[in-house]
Amino acid sequence: MTIALVKVSNVSDRLVPLGLACLQAYLKERTIDVKVFNFRATEYSLPKIASDPLIQLKPPKFVMNHQDFPLLVMIVDTLLFDGDVNFDERIFPDLIEDYANRLYEDYKVTKERFESILEYVKTIIRKISNFPIVGFSIDYLNVVESVVCSTLLRLVNPTIKIVWGGPTITQSYEAFKLWLRRGIVDGLIVGEGELPLLDISLDVELSNISGVMSVKNDEELFYSPGAQVALDLLPTPDYSGLPLDTYYHIASVYRSRGCTNRCQFCAEWNLFGRRFRVRSVKNVIN
């Protein structure tokens, strides 16, 4: 069985995805077959001016107020029930106008971007729909693509197991419960991904995996905090399968995880813990 690790981005990201490389290395070291995909669209871009997207709440109730969510809910529900979306029908014009106003953007530009996102995601579904497990890496910039992609995957392959992880999921899991209950994602990985992904790859029931939030019988929510892995036990990031010649010629290196500060705009201490952990110098050099 092969697990697909996917990042689908709304910008032409020129930095190598270190997170996917770390997860791929960890799983391969444990004889799990992995295929990494970093889809990067170039047909559209984010607005240059946007209002503050964050609502600051006391941790761990930090919720990212994605302006996309009201529009995304309608897109997802329309896809699930009708199979396709026409942005000129129903309440889409009102939702798009509201979204555009909050981002100080022209209505036509917003509409064309969401149409481009939908069409772009449709072109990549066939590349990942036959994997039994697909894990999405989600940050603030690729929420829309990841949600739409997961919805279309569910329609094409109802039995596929879909999991989401990454800084935005950990930082804003309260908001992302919405998608669990809509059935387009099976599990949210809250915190570090190595240990939960290994259990998922070994077909452990999601409700029994620490660090994974899941819903059972469409109602009951399961979650228990995950463990942290010793950094010196992690292998060197594996970049195989990634088109390295299309990225900046910069090698990403990490020596630590976690942070003792509590900056609410930052995902570091939520994702990797409140304790500052370091790799040994020898481990980094090797």
C-alpha atoms as a PDB file:
ATOM      1  CA  MET A   1       0.000   0.000   0.000  1.00  0.00           C
ATOM      2  CA  THR A   2       1.312   3.436  -0.966  1.00  0.00           C
ATOM      3  CA  ILE A   3       0.406   6.669   0.806  1.00  0.00           C
ATOM      4  CA  ALA A   4       0.311   9.928  -1.149  1.00  0.00           C
ATOM      5  CA  LEU A   5       1.572  13.076   0.581  1.00  0.00           C
ATOM      6  CA  VAL A   6       0.176  16.110  -1.195  1.00  0.00           C
ATOM      7  CA  LYS A   7       0.548  19.859  -1.133  1.00  0.00           C
ATOM      8  CA  VAL A   8      -1.603  21.711  -3.637  1.00  0.00           C
ATOM      9  CA  SER A   9      -0.791  25.406  -3.687  1.00  0.00           C
ATOM     10  CA  ASN A  10      -2.456  28.505  -5.089  1.00  0.00           C
ATOM     11  CA  VAL A  11       0.913  30.122  -5.755  1.00  0.00           C
ATOM     12  CA  SER A  12       4.037  28.985  -7.547  1.00  0.00           C
ATOM     13  CA  ASP A  13       5.942  28.097  -4.387  1.00  0.00           C
ATOM     14  CA  ARG A  14       9.678  28.182  -5.064  1.00  0.00           C
ATOM     15  CA  LEU A  15      10.815  26.711  -1.734  1.00  0.00           C
ATOM     16  CA  VAL A  16      11.190  22.959  -1.361  1.00  0.00           C
ATOM     17  CA  PRO A  17       8.480  21.573   0.981  1.00  0.00           C
ATOM     18  CA  LEU A  18      10.615  20.531   3.958  1.00  0.00           C
ATOM     19  CA  GLY A  19       7.649  19.095   5.857  1.00  0.00           C
ATOM     20  CA  LEU A  20       6.758  16.627   3.113  1.00  0.00           C
ATOM     21  CA  ALA A  21      10.420  15.622   2.776  1.00  0.00           C
ATOM     22  CA  CYS A  22      10.662  14.913   6.525  1.00  0.00           C
ATOM     23  CA  LEU A  23       7.485  12.822   6.537  1.00  0.00           C
ATOM     24  CA  GLN A  24       8.536  10.894   3.449  1.00  0.00           C
ATOM     25  CA  ALA A  25      11.905  10.032   4.998  1.00  0.00           C
ATOM     26  CA  TYR A  26      10.335   8.872   8.269  1.00  0.00           C
ATOM     27  CA  LEU A  27       7.779   6.619   6.578  1.00  0.00           C
ATOM     28  CA  LYS A  28      10.242   5.140   4.091  1.00  0.00           C
ATOM     29  CA  GLU A  29      12.643   4.296   6.912  1.00  0.00           C
ATOM     30  CA  ARG A  30       9.820   2.169   8.293  1.00  0.00           C
ATOM     31  CA  THR A  31       9.239   0.461   4.926  1.00  0.00           C
ATOM     32  CA  ILE A  32       6.097   2.421   4.060  1.00  0.00           C
ATOM     33  CA  ASP A  33       5.751   3.218   0.354  1.00  0.00           C
ATOM     34  CA  VAL A  34       5.312   6.961  -0.186  1.00  0.00           C
ATOM     35  CA  LYS A  35       4.676   9.186  -3.182  1.00  0.00           C
ATOM     36  CA  VAL A  36       5.060  12.960  -2.753  1.00  0.00           C
ATOM     37  CA  PHE A  37       3.199  15.512  -4.869  1.00  0.00           C
ATOM     38  CA  ASN A  38       3.726  19.270  -4.731  1.00  0.00           C
ATOM     39  CA  PHE A  39       1.173  20.752  -7.126  1.00  0.00           C
ATOM     40  CA  ARG A  40       1.826  24.437  -7.752  1.00  0.00           C
ATOM     41  CA  ALA A  41      -0.539  26.489  -9.873  1.00  0.00           C
ATOM     42  CA  THR A  42       0.627  29.493 -11.851  1.00  0.00           C
ATOM     43  CA  GLU A  43      -2.633  30.516 -13.525  1.00  0.00           C
ATOM     44  CA  TYR A  44      -3.810  32.763 -10.694  1.00  0.00           C
ATOM     45  CA  SER A  45      -2.477  34.554  -7.634  1.00  0.00           C
ATOM     46  CA  LEU A  46      -3.478  35.917  -4.261  1.00  0.00           C
ATOM     47  CA  PRO A  47      -4.616  39.526  -3.848  1.00  0.00           C
ATOM     48  CA  LYS A  48      -1.844  41.900  -2.825  1.00  0.00           C
ATOM     49  CA  ILE A  49      -4.000  43.712  -0.269  1.00  0.00           C
ATOM     50  CA  ALA A  50      -6.029  41.865   2.342  1.00  0.00           C
ATOM     51  CA  SER A  51      -7.614  42.591   5.682  1.00  0.00           C
ATOM     52  CA  ASP A  52      -6.317  40.940   8.835  1.00  0.00           C
ATOM     53  CA  PRO A  53      -7.388  37.258   8.560  1.00  0.00           C
ATOM     54  CA  LEU A  54      -6.847  36.356  12.200  1.00  0.00           C
ATOM     55  CA  ILE A  55      -9.045  36.385  15.252  1.00  0.00           C
ATOM     56  CA  GLN A  56      -6.880  36.253  18.367  1.00  0.00           C
ATOM     57  CA  LEU A  57      -8.299  33.987  21.061  1.00  0.00           C
ATOM     58  CA  LYS A  58      -6.679  32.454  24.110  1.00  0.00           C
ATOM     59  CA  PRO A  59      -4.858  29.215  23.276  1.00  0.00           C
ATOM     60  CA  PRO A  60      -5.685  26.475  22.575  1.00  0.00           C
ATOM     61  CA  LYS A  61      -8.876  28.035  21.161  1.00  0.00           C
ATOM     62  CA  PHE A  62      -7.014  30.012  18.506  1.00  0.00           C
ATOM     63  CA  VAL A  63      -9.216  30.079  15.421  1.00  0.00           C
ATOM     64  CA  MET A  64      -8.166  31.370  12.038  1.00  0.00           C
ATOM     65  CA  ASN A  65     -11.060  33.290  10.548  1.00  0.00           C
ATOM     66  CA  HIS A  66     -10.697  32.293   6.910  1.00  0.00           C
ATOM     67  CA  GLN A  67     -12.676  34.677   4.754  1.00  0.00           C
ATOM     68  CA  ASP A  68     -12.959  31.708   2.402  1.00  0.00           C
ATOM     69  CA  PHE A  69     -15.053  29.544   4.736  1.00  0.00           C
ATOM     70  CA  PRO A  70     -18.607  30.830   4.013  1.00  0.00           C
ATOM     71  CA  LEU A  71     -17.918  30.588   0.287  1.00  0.00           C
ATOM     72  CA  LEU A  72     -16.125  27.262   0.702  1.00  0.00           C
ATOM     73  CA  VAL A  73     -19.057  25.711   2.549  1.00  0.00           C
ATOM     74  CA  MET A  74     -21.346  26.549  -0.353  1.00  0.00           C
ATOM     75  CA  ILE A  75     -18.821  25.259  -2.894  1.00  0.00           C
ATOM     76  CA  VAL A  76     -18.376  21.976  -1.011  1.00  0.00           C
ATOM     77  CA  ASP A  77     -22.100  21.409  -0.469  1.00  0.00           C
ATOM     78  CA  THR A  78     -22.856  22.167  -4.119  1.00  0.00           C
ATOM     79  CA  LEU A  79     -20.149  19.763  -5.285  1.00  0.00           C
ATOM     80  CA  LEU A  80     -21.381  17.026  -2.950  1.00  0.00           C
ATOM     81  CA  PHE A  81     -25.025  17.317  -4.010  1.00  0.00           C
ATOM     82  CA  ASP A  82     -24.796  18.544  -7.624  1.00  0.00           C
ATOM     83  CA  GLY A  83     -21.341  17.422  -8.729  1.00  0.00           C
ATOM     84  CA  ASP A  84     -20.305  20.808 -10.119  1.00  0.00           C
ATOM     85  CA  VAL A  85     -20.459  24.536  -9.366  1.00  0.00           C
ATOM     86  CA  ASN A  86     -21.780  27.497 -11.349  1.00  0.00           C
ATOM     87  CA  PHE A  87     -20.607  30.691  -9.661  1.00  0.00           C
ATOM     88  CA  ASP A  88     -23.353  32.702 -11.389  1.00  0.00           C
ATOM     89  CA  GLU A  89     -26.158  30.796  -9.668  1.00  0.00           C
ATOM     90  CA  ARG A  90     -27.769  30.595  -6.213  1.00  0.00           C
ATOM     91  CA  ILE A  91     -26.145  32.753  -3.572  1.00  0.00           C
ATOM     92  CA  PHE A  92     -22.651  32.516  -5.058  1.00  0.00           C
ATOM     93  CA  PRO A  93     -22.698  36.100  -6.420  1.00  0.00           C
ATOM     94  CA  ASP A  94     -23.509  37.455  -2.941  1.00  0.00           C
ATOM     95  CA  LEU A  95     -20.846  35.325  -1.261  1.00  0.00           C
ATOM     96  CA  ILE A  96     -18.225  36.286  -3.819  1.00  0.00           C
ATOM     97  CA  GLU A  97     -19.086  39.965  -3.477  1.00  0.00           C
ATOM     98  CA  ASP A  98     -18.793  39.762   0.313  1.00  0.00           C
ATOM     99  CA  TYR A  99     -15.449  37.986   0.025  1.00  0.00           C
ATOM    100  CA  ALA A 100     -14.144  40.483  -2.532  1.00  0.00           C
ATOM    101  CA  ASN A 101     -15.171  43.471  -0.421  1.00  0.00           C
ATOM    102  CA  ARG A 102     -13.325  42.148   2.620  1.00  0.00           C
ATOM    103  CA  LEU A 103     -10.150  41.673   0.585  1.00  0.00           C
ATOM    104  CA  TYR A 104     -10.505  45.023  -1.195  1.00  0.00           C
ATOM    105  CA  GLU A 105     -10.664  43.150  -4.471  1.00  0.00           C
ATOM    106  CA  ASP A 106     -12.732  43.492  -7.629  1.00  0.00           C
ATOM    107  CA  TYR A 107     -15.677  41.070  -7.860  1.00  0.00           C
ATOM    108  CA  LYS A 108     -14.600  39.807 -11.281  1.00  0.00           C
ATOM    109  CA  VAL A 109     -11.063  39.066 -10.076  1.00  0.00           C
ATOM    110  CA  THR A 110     -12.347  37.069  -7.098  1.00  0.00           C
ATOM    111  CA  LYS A 111     -14.823  35.111  -9.206  1.00  0.00           C
ATOM    112  CA  GLU A 112     -12.222  34.272 -11.838  1.00  0.00           C
ATOM    113  CA  ARG A 113      -9.761  33.130  -9.180  1.00  0.00           C
ATOM    114  CA  PHE A 114     -12.223  30.692  -7.606  1.00  0.00           C
ATOM    115  CA  GLU A 115     -13.218  29.428 -11.060  1.00  0.00           C
ATOM    116  CA  SER A 116      -9.528  28.905 -11.850  1.00  0.00           C
ATOM    117  CA  ILE A 117      -8.977  27.094  -8.551  1.00  0.00           C
ATOM    118  CA  LEU A 118     -11.839  24.704  -9.270  1.00  0.00           C
ATOM    119  CA  GLU A 119     -10.676  23.999 -12.817  1.00  0.00           C
ATOM    120  CA  TYR A 120      -7.060  23.586 -11.732  1.00  0.00           C
ATOM    121  CA  VAL A 121      -7.903  21.126  -8.961  1.00  0.00           C
ATOM    122  CA  LYS A 122      -9.954  19.033 -11.392  1.00  0.00           C
ATOM    123  CA  THR A 123      -6.815  18.502 -13.480  1.00  0.00           C
ATOM    124  CA  ILE A 124      -4.846  16.936 -10.628  1.00  0.00           C
ATOM    125  CA  ILE A 125      -7.504  14.655  -9.139  1.00  0.00           C
ATOM    126  CA  ARG A 126      -6.738  11.793 -11.516  1.00  0.00           C
ATOM    127  CA  LYS A 127      -3.114  11.791 -10.346  1.00  0.00           C
ATOM    128  CA  ILE A 128      -3.970  10.992  -6.723  1.00  0.00           C
ATOM    129  CA  SER A 129      -7.427   9.389  -6.755  1.00  0.00           C
ATOM    130  CA  ASN A 130      -6.171   5.790  -6.884  1.00  0.00           C
ATOM    131  CA  PHE A 131      -4.119   5.932  -3.694  1.00  0.00           C
ATOM    132  CA  PRO A 132      -5.776   4.304  -0.644  1.00  0.00           C
ATOM    133  CA  ILE A 133      -4.532   7.108   1.634  1.00  0.00           C
ATOM    134  CA  VAL A 134      -3.930  10.758   0.764  1.00  0.00           C
ATOM    135  CA  GLY A 135      -2.451  13.189   3.271  1.00  0.00           C
ATOM    136  CA  PHE A 136      -2.682  16.927   2.603  1.00  0.00           C
ATOM    137  CA  SER A 137      -0.212  19.460   3.977  1.00  0.00           C
ATOM    138  CA  ILE A 138      -2.198  22.634   4.680  1.00  0.00           C
ATOM    139  CA  ASP A 139      -1.066  26.132   5.502  1.00  0.00           C
ATOM    140  CA  TYR A 140      -2.994  29.374   5.322  1.00  0.00           C
ATOM    141  CA  LEU A 141      -2.230  29.889   1.634  1.00  0.00           C
ATOM    142  CA  ASN A 142      -3.640  26.606   0.330  1.00  0.00           C
ATOM    143  CA  VAL A 143      -6.806  26.036   2.363  1.00  0.00           C
ATOM    144  CA  VAL A 144      -9.160  26.566  -0.581  1.00  0.00           C
ATOM    145  CA  GLU A 145      -7.334  24.198  -2.911  1.00  0.00           C
ATOM    146  CA  SER A 146      -7.009  21.493  -0.265  1.00  0.00           C
ATOM    147  CA  VAL A 147     -10.680  21.614   0.719  1.00  0.00           C
ATOM    148  CA  VAL A 148     -11.908  21.571  -2.885  1.00  0.00           C
ATOM    149  CA  CYS A 149      -9.442  18.828  -3.819  1.00  0.00           C
ATOM    150  CA  SER A 150     -10.556  16.658  -0.895  1.00  0.00           C
ATOM    151  CA  THR A 151     -14.198  17.118  -1.869  1.00  0.00           C
ATOM    152  CA  LEU A 152     -13.588  16.042  -5.456  1.00  0.00           C
ATOM    153  CA  LEU A 153     -11.479  13.100  -4.256  1.00  0.00           C
ATOM    154  CA  ARG A 154     -14.339  11.940  -2.067  1.00  0.00           C
ATOM    155  CA  LEU A 155     -16.712  12.082  -5.043  1.00  0.00           C
ATOM    156  CA  VAL A 156     -14.342  10.209  -7.357  1.00  0.00           C
ATOM    157  CA  ASN A 157     -13.256   7.608  -4.781  1.00  0.00           C
ATOM    158  CA  PRO A 158     -15.644   7.348  -1.794  1.00  0.00           C
ATOM    159  CA  THR A 159     -13.467   4.747  -0.026  1.00  0.00           C
ATOM    160  CA  ILE A 160     -10.259   6.797  -0.073  1.00  0.00           C
ATOM    161  CA  LYS A 161      -8.882   7.784   3.343  1.00  0.00           C
ATOM    162  CA  ILE A 162      -8.164  11.520   3.480  1.00  0.00           C
ATOM    163  CA  VAL A 163      -6.175  13.178   6.264  1.00  0.00           C
ATOM    164  CA  TRP A 164      -5.090  16.778   6.745  1.00  0.00           C
ATOM    165  CA  GLY A 165      -2.108  18.090   8.664  1.00  0.00           C
ATOM    166  CA  GLY A 166       0.198  21.070   8.837  1.00  0.00           C
ATOM    167  CA  PRO A 167       0.470  24.338  10.763  1.00  0.00           C
ATOM    168  CA  THR A 168      -2.982  25.673   9.902  1.00  0.00           C
ATOM    169  CA  ILE A 169      -4.726  22.459  10.957  1.00  0.00           C
ATOM    170  CA  THR A 170      -2.985  22.443  14.336  1.00  0.00           C
ATOM    171  CA  GLN A 171      -3.462  26.149  14.913  1.00  0.00           C
ATOM    172  CA  SER A 172      -7.096  26.242  13.786  1.00  0.00           C
ATOM    173  CA  TYR A 173      -8.454  22.745  14.388  1.00  0.00           C
ATOM    174  CA  GLU A 174     -11.586  24.150  16.021  1.00  0.00           C
ATOM    175  CA  ALA A 175     -12.546  25.723  12.684  1.00  0.00           C
ATOM    176  CA  PHE A 176     -11.624  22.641  10.649  1.00  0.00           C
ATOM    177  CA  LYS A 177     -13.961  20.348  12.600  1.00  0.00           C
ATOM    178  CA  LEU A 178     -16.547  21.669  10.167  1.00  0.00           C
ATOM    179  CA  TRP A 179     -15.012  19.663   7.339  1.00  0.00           C
ATOM    180  CA  LEU A 180     -14.717  16.508   9.429  1.00  0.00           C
ATOM    181  CA  ARG A 181     -18.446  16.567  10.032  1.00  0.00           C
ATOM    182  CA  ARG A 182     -19.107  17.175   6.331  1.00  0.00           C
ATOM    183  CA  GLY A 183     -17.252  13.975   5.536  1.00  0.00           C
ATOM    184  CA  ILE A 184     -14.702  15.321   3.067  1.00  0.00           C
ATOM    185  CA  VAL A 185     -11.806  14.495   5.405  1.00  0.00           C
ATOM    186  CA  ASP A 186     -11.416  11.494   7.714  1.00  0.00           C
ATOM    187  CA  GLY A 187      -8.815  12.779  10.154  1.00  0.00           C
ATOM    188  CA  LEU A 188      -7.055  15.953  11.262  1.00  0.00           C
ATOM    189  CA  ILE A 189      -3.466  15.516  12.430  1.00  0.00           C
ATOM    190  CA  VAL A 190      -2.967  17.961  15.294  1.00  0.00           C
ATOM    191  CA  GLY A 191       0.727  18.480  16.033  1.00  0.00           C
ATOM    192  CA  GLU A 192       3.682  16.581  14.595  1.00  0.00           C
ATOM    193  CA  GLY A 193       2.825  14.227  11.773  1.00  0.00           C
ATOM    194  CA  GLU A 194       5.418  11.437  11.844  1.00  0.00           C
ATOM    195  CA  LEU A 195       3.890   9.120  14.448  1.00  0.00           C
ATOM    196  CA  PRO A 196       0.221   9.596  13.456  1.00  0.00           C
ATOM    197  CA  LEU A 197       0.998   9.104   9.758  1.00  0.00           C
ATOM    198  CA  LEU A 198       2.839   5.869  10.496  1.00  0.00           C
ATOM    199  CA  ASP A 199      -0.190   4.488  12.348  1.00  0.00           C
ATOM    200  CA  ILE A 200      -2.509   5.654   9.574  1.00  0.00           C
ATOM    201  CA  SER A 201      -0.305   3.907   7.003  1.00  0.00           C
ATOM    202  CA  LEU A 202      -0.497   0.721   9.091  1.00  0.00           C
ATOM    203  CA  ASP A 203      -4.303   0.928   8.918  1.00  0.00           C
ATOM    204  CA  VAL A 204      -4.853   1.628  12.612  1.00  0.00           C
ATOM    205  CA  GLU A 205      -8.373   2.884  13.327  1.00  0.00           C
ATOM    206  CA  LEU A 206      -8.263   6.692  13.313  1.00  0.00           C
ATOM    207  CA  SER A 207     -10.125   6.983  16.606  1.00  0.00           C
ATOM    208  CA  ASN A 208      -7.346   4.932  18.249  1.00  0.00           C
ATOM    209  CA  ILE A 209      -4.460   7.103  17.014  1.00  0.00           C
ATOM    210  CA  SER A 210      -3.074   9.758  19.346  1.00  0.00           C
ATOM    211  CA  GLY A 211      -2.719  13.116  17.630  1.00  0.00           C
ATOM    212  CA  VAL A 212      -5.556  12.507  15.166  1.00  0.00           C
ATOM    213  CA  MET A 213      -8.992  14.102  15.438  1.00  0.00           C
ATOM    214  CA  SER A 214     -11.752  12.073  13.803  1.00  0.00           C
ATOM    215  CA  VAL A 215     -15.511  11.580  13.798  1.00  0.00           C
ATOM    216  CA  LYS A 216     -17.181   8.217  14.262  1.00  0.00           C
ATOM    217  CA  ASN A 217     -20.747   7.361  13.255  1.00  0.00           C
ATOM    218  CA  ASP A 218     -21.154  10.933  11.941  1.00  0.00           C
ATOM    219  CA  GLU A 219     -21.439  12.215  15.506  1.00  0.00           C
ATOM    220  CA  GLU A 220     -18.868  11.300  18.138  1.00  0.00           C
ATOM    221  CA  LEU A 221     -15.612  13.272  18.028  1.00  0.00           C
ATOM    222  CA  PHE A 222     -12.402  11.450  18.990  1.00  0.00           C
ATOM    223  CA  TYR A 223      -9.098  13.064  19.899  1.00  0.00           C
ATOM    224  CA  SER A 224      -6.205  12.544  22.289  1.00  0.00           C
ATOM    225  CA  PRO A 225      -2.941  14.543  22.173  1.00  0.00           C
ATOM    226  CA  GLY A 226      -0.098  13.002  20.223  1.00  0.00           C
ATOM    227  CA  ALA A 227       3.445  12.279  21.382  1.00  0.00           C
ATOM    228  CA  GLN A 228       6.574  14.112  20.300  1.00  0.00           C
ATOM    229  CA  VAL A 229       9.330  12.248  18.519  1.00  0.00           C
ATOM    230  CA  ALA A 230      12.999  12.553  19.534  1.00  0.00           C
ATOM    231  CA  LEU A 231      14.606  14.721  16.858  1.00  0.00           C
ATOM    232  CA  ASP A 232      17.876  12.777  16.717  1.00  0.00           C
ATOM    233  CA  LEU A 233      15.893   9.669  15.794  1.00  0.00           C
ATOM    234  CA  LEU A 234      14.495  11.317  12.670  1.00  0.00           C
ATOM    235  CA  PRO A 235      16.167  10.530   9.333  1.00  0.00           C
ATOM    236  CA  THR A 236      17.539  13.073   6.885  1.00  0.00           C
ATOM    237  CA  PRO A 237      14.702  14.657   4.843  1.00  0.00           C
ATOM    238  CA  ASP A 238      14.023  12.746   1.630  1.00  0.00           C
ATOM    239  CA  TYR A 239      13.425  14.992  -1.397  1.00  0.00           C
ATOM    240  CA  SER A 240      13.063  12.176  -3.926  1.00  0.00           C
ATOM    241  CA  GLY A 241      10.106  12.586  -6.240  1.00  0.00           C
ATOM    242  CA  LEU A 242      10.219  16.378  -6.051  1.00  0.00           C
ATOM    243  CA  PRO A 243      11.308  18.396  -9.124  1.00  0.00           C
ATOM    244  CA  LEU A 244      14.219  20.088  -7.377  1.00  0.00           C
ATOM    245  CA  ASP A 245      15.265  21.987 -10.498  1.00  0.00           C
ATOM    246  CA  THR A 246      12.015  23.998 -10.317  1.00  0.00           C
ATOM    247  CA  TYR A 247      12.710  25.388  -6.838  1.00  0.00           C
ATOM    248  CA  TYR A 248      15.134  27.989  -5.575  1.00  0.00           C
ATOM    249  CA  HIS A 249      18.574  26.439  -5.123  1.00  0.00           C
ATOM    250  CA  ILE A 250      18.322  26.700  -1.358  1.00  0.00           C
ATOM    251  CA  ALA A 251      18.684  23.721   0.967  1.00  0.00           C
ATOM    252  CA  SER A 252      16.253  23.796   3.876  1.00  0.00           C
ATOM    253  CA  VAL A 253      17.728  22.616   7.177  1.00  0.00           C
ATOM    254  CA  TYR A 254      16.069  22.328  10.573  1.00  0.00           C
ATOM    255  CA  ARG A 255      17.836  21.948  13.901  1.00  0.00           C
ATOM    256  CA  SER A 256      14.998  22.530  16.324  1.00  0.00           C
ATOM    257  CA  ARG A 257      11.280  22.238  16.936  1.00  0.00           C
ATOM    258  CA  GLY A 258       9.040  23.956  19.432  1.00  0.00           C
ATOM    259  CA  CYS A 259       9.198  27.338  21.117  1.00  0.00           C
ATOM    260  CA  THR A 260       8.948  28.634  24.672  1.00  0.00           C
ATOM    261  CA  ASN A 261       7.127  31.785  23.549  1.00  0.00           C
ATOM    262  CA  ARG A 262       3.375  31.951  22.989  1.00  0.00           C
ATOM    263  CA  CYS A 263       2.955  34.297  20.025  1.00  0.00           C
ATOM    264  CA  GLN A 264      -0.634  33.737  18.955  1.00  0.00           C
ATOM    265  CA  PHE A 265       0.057  34.613  15.327  1.00  0.00           C
ATOM    266  CA  CYS A 266       2.646  31.814  15.072  1.00  0.00           C
ATOM    267  CA  ALA A 267       2.005  28.078  14.673  1.00  0.00           C
ATOM    268  CA  GLU A 268       5.446  26.889  15.836  1.00  0.00           C
ATOM    269  CA  TRP A 269       4.640  26.234  19.498  1.00  0.00           C
ATOM    270  CA  ASN A 270       1.235  24.741  18.660  1.00  0.00           C
ATOM    271  CA  LEU A 271       2.595  22.460  15.973  1.00  0.00           C
ATOM    272  CA  PHE A 272       5.815  21.332  17.642  1.00  0.00           C
ATOM    273  CA  GLY A 273       5.152  21.892  21.335  1.00  0.00           C
ATOM    274  CA  ARG A 274       5.865  24.403  24.079  1.00  0.00           C
ATOM    275  CA  ARG A 275       9.296  22.986  24.812  1.00  0.00           C
ATOM    276  CA  PHE A 276      12.283  24.012  22.698  1.00  0.00           C
ATOM    277  CA  ARG A 277      13.891  20.831  21.361  1.00  0.00           C
ATOM    278  CA  VAL A 278      17.121  20.596  19.386  1.00  0.00           C
ATOM    279  CA  ARG A 279      18.963  18.075  17.280  1.00  0.00           C
ATOM    280  CA  SER A 280      22.570  17.372  18.175  1.00  0.00           C
ATOM    281  CA  VAL A 281      25.275  19.098  16.134  1.00  0.00           C
ATOM    282  CA  LYS A 282      26.528  15.723  14.913  1.00  0.00           C
ATOM    283  CA  ASN A 283      23.054  14.768  13.728  1.00  0.00           C
ATOM    284  CA  VAL A 284      22.625  18.030  11.817  1.00  0.00           C
ATOM    285  CA  ILE A 285      26.020  17.747  10.102  1.00  0.00           C
ATOM    286  CA  ASN A 286      25.427  14.129   9.119  1.00  0.00           C
END
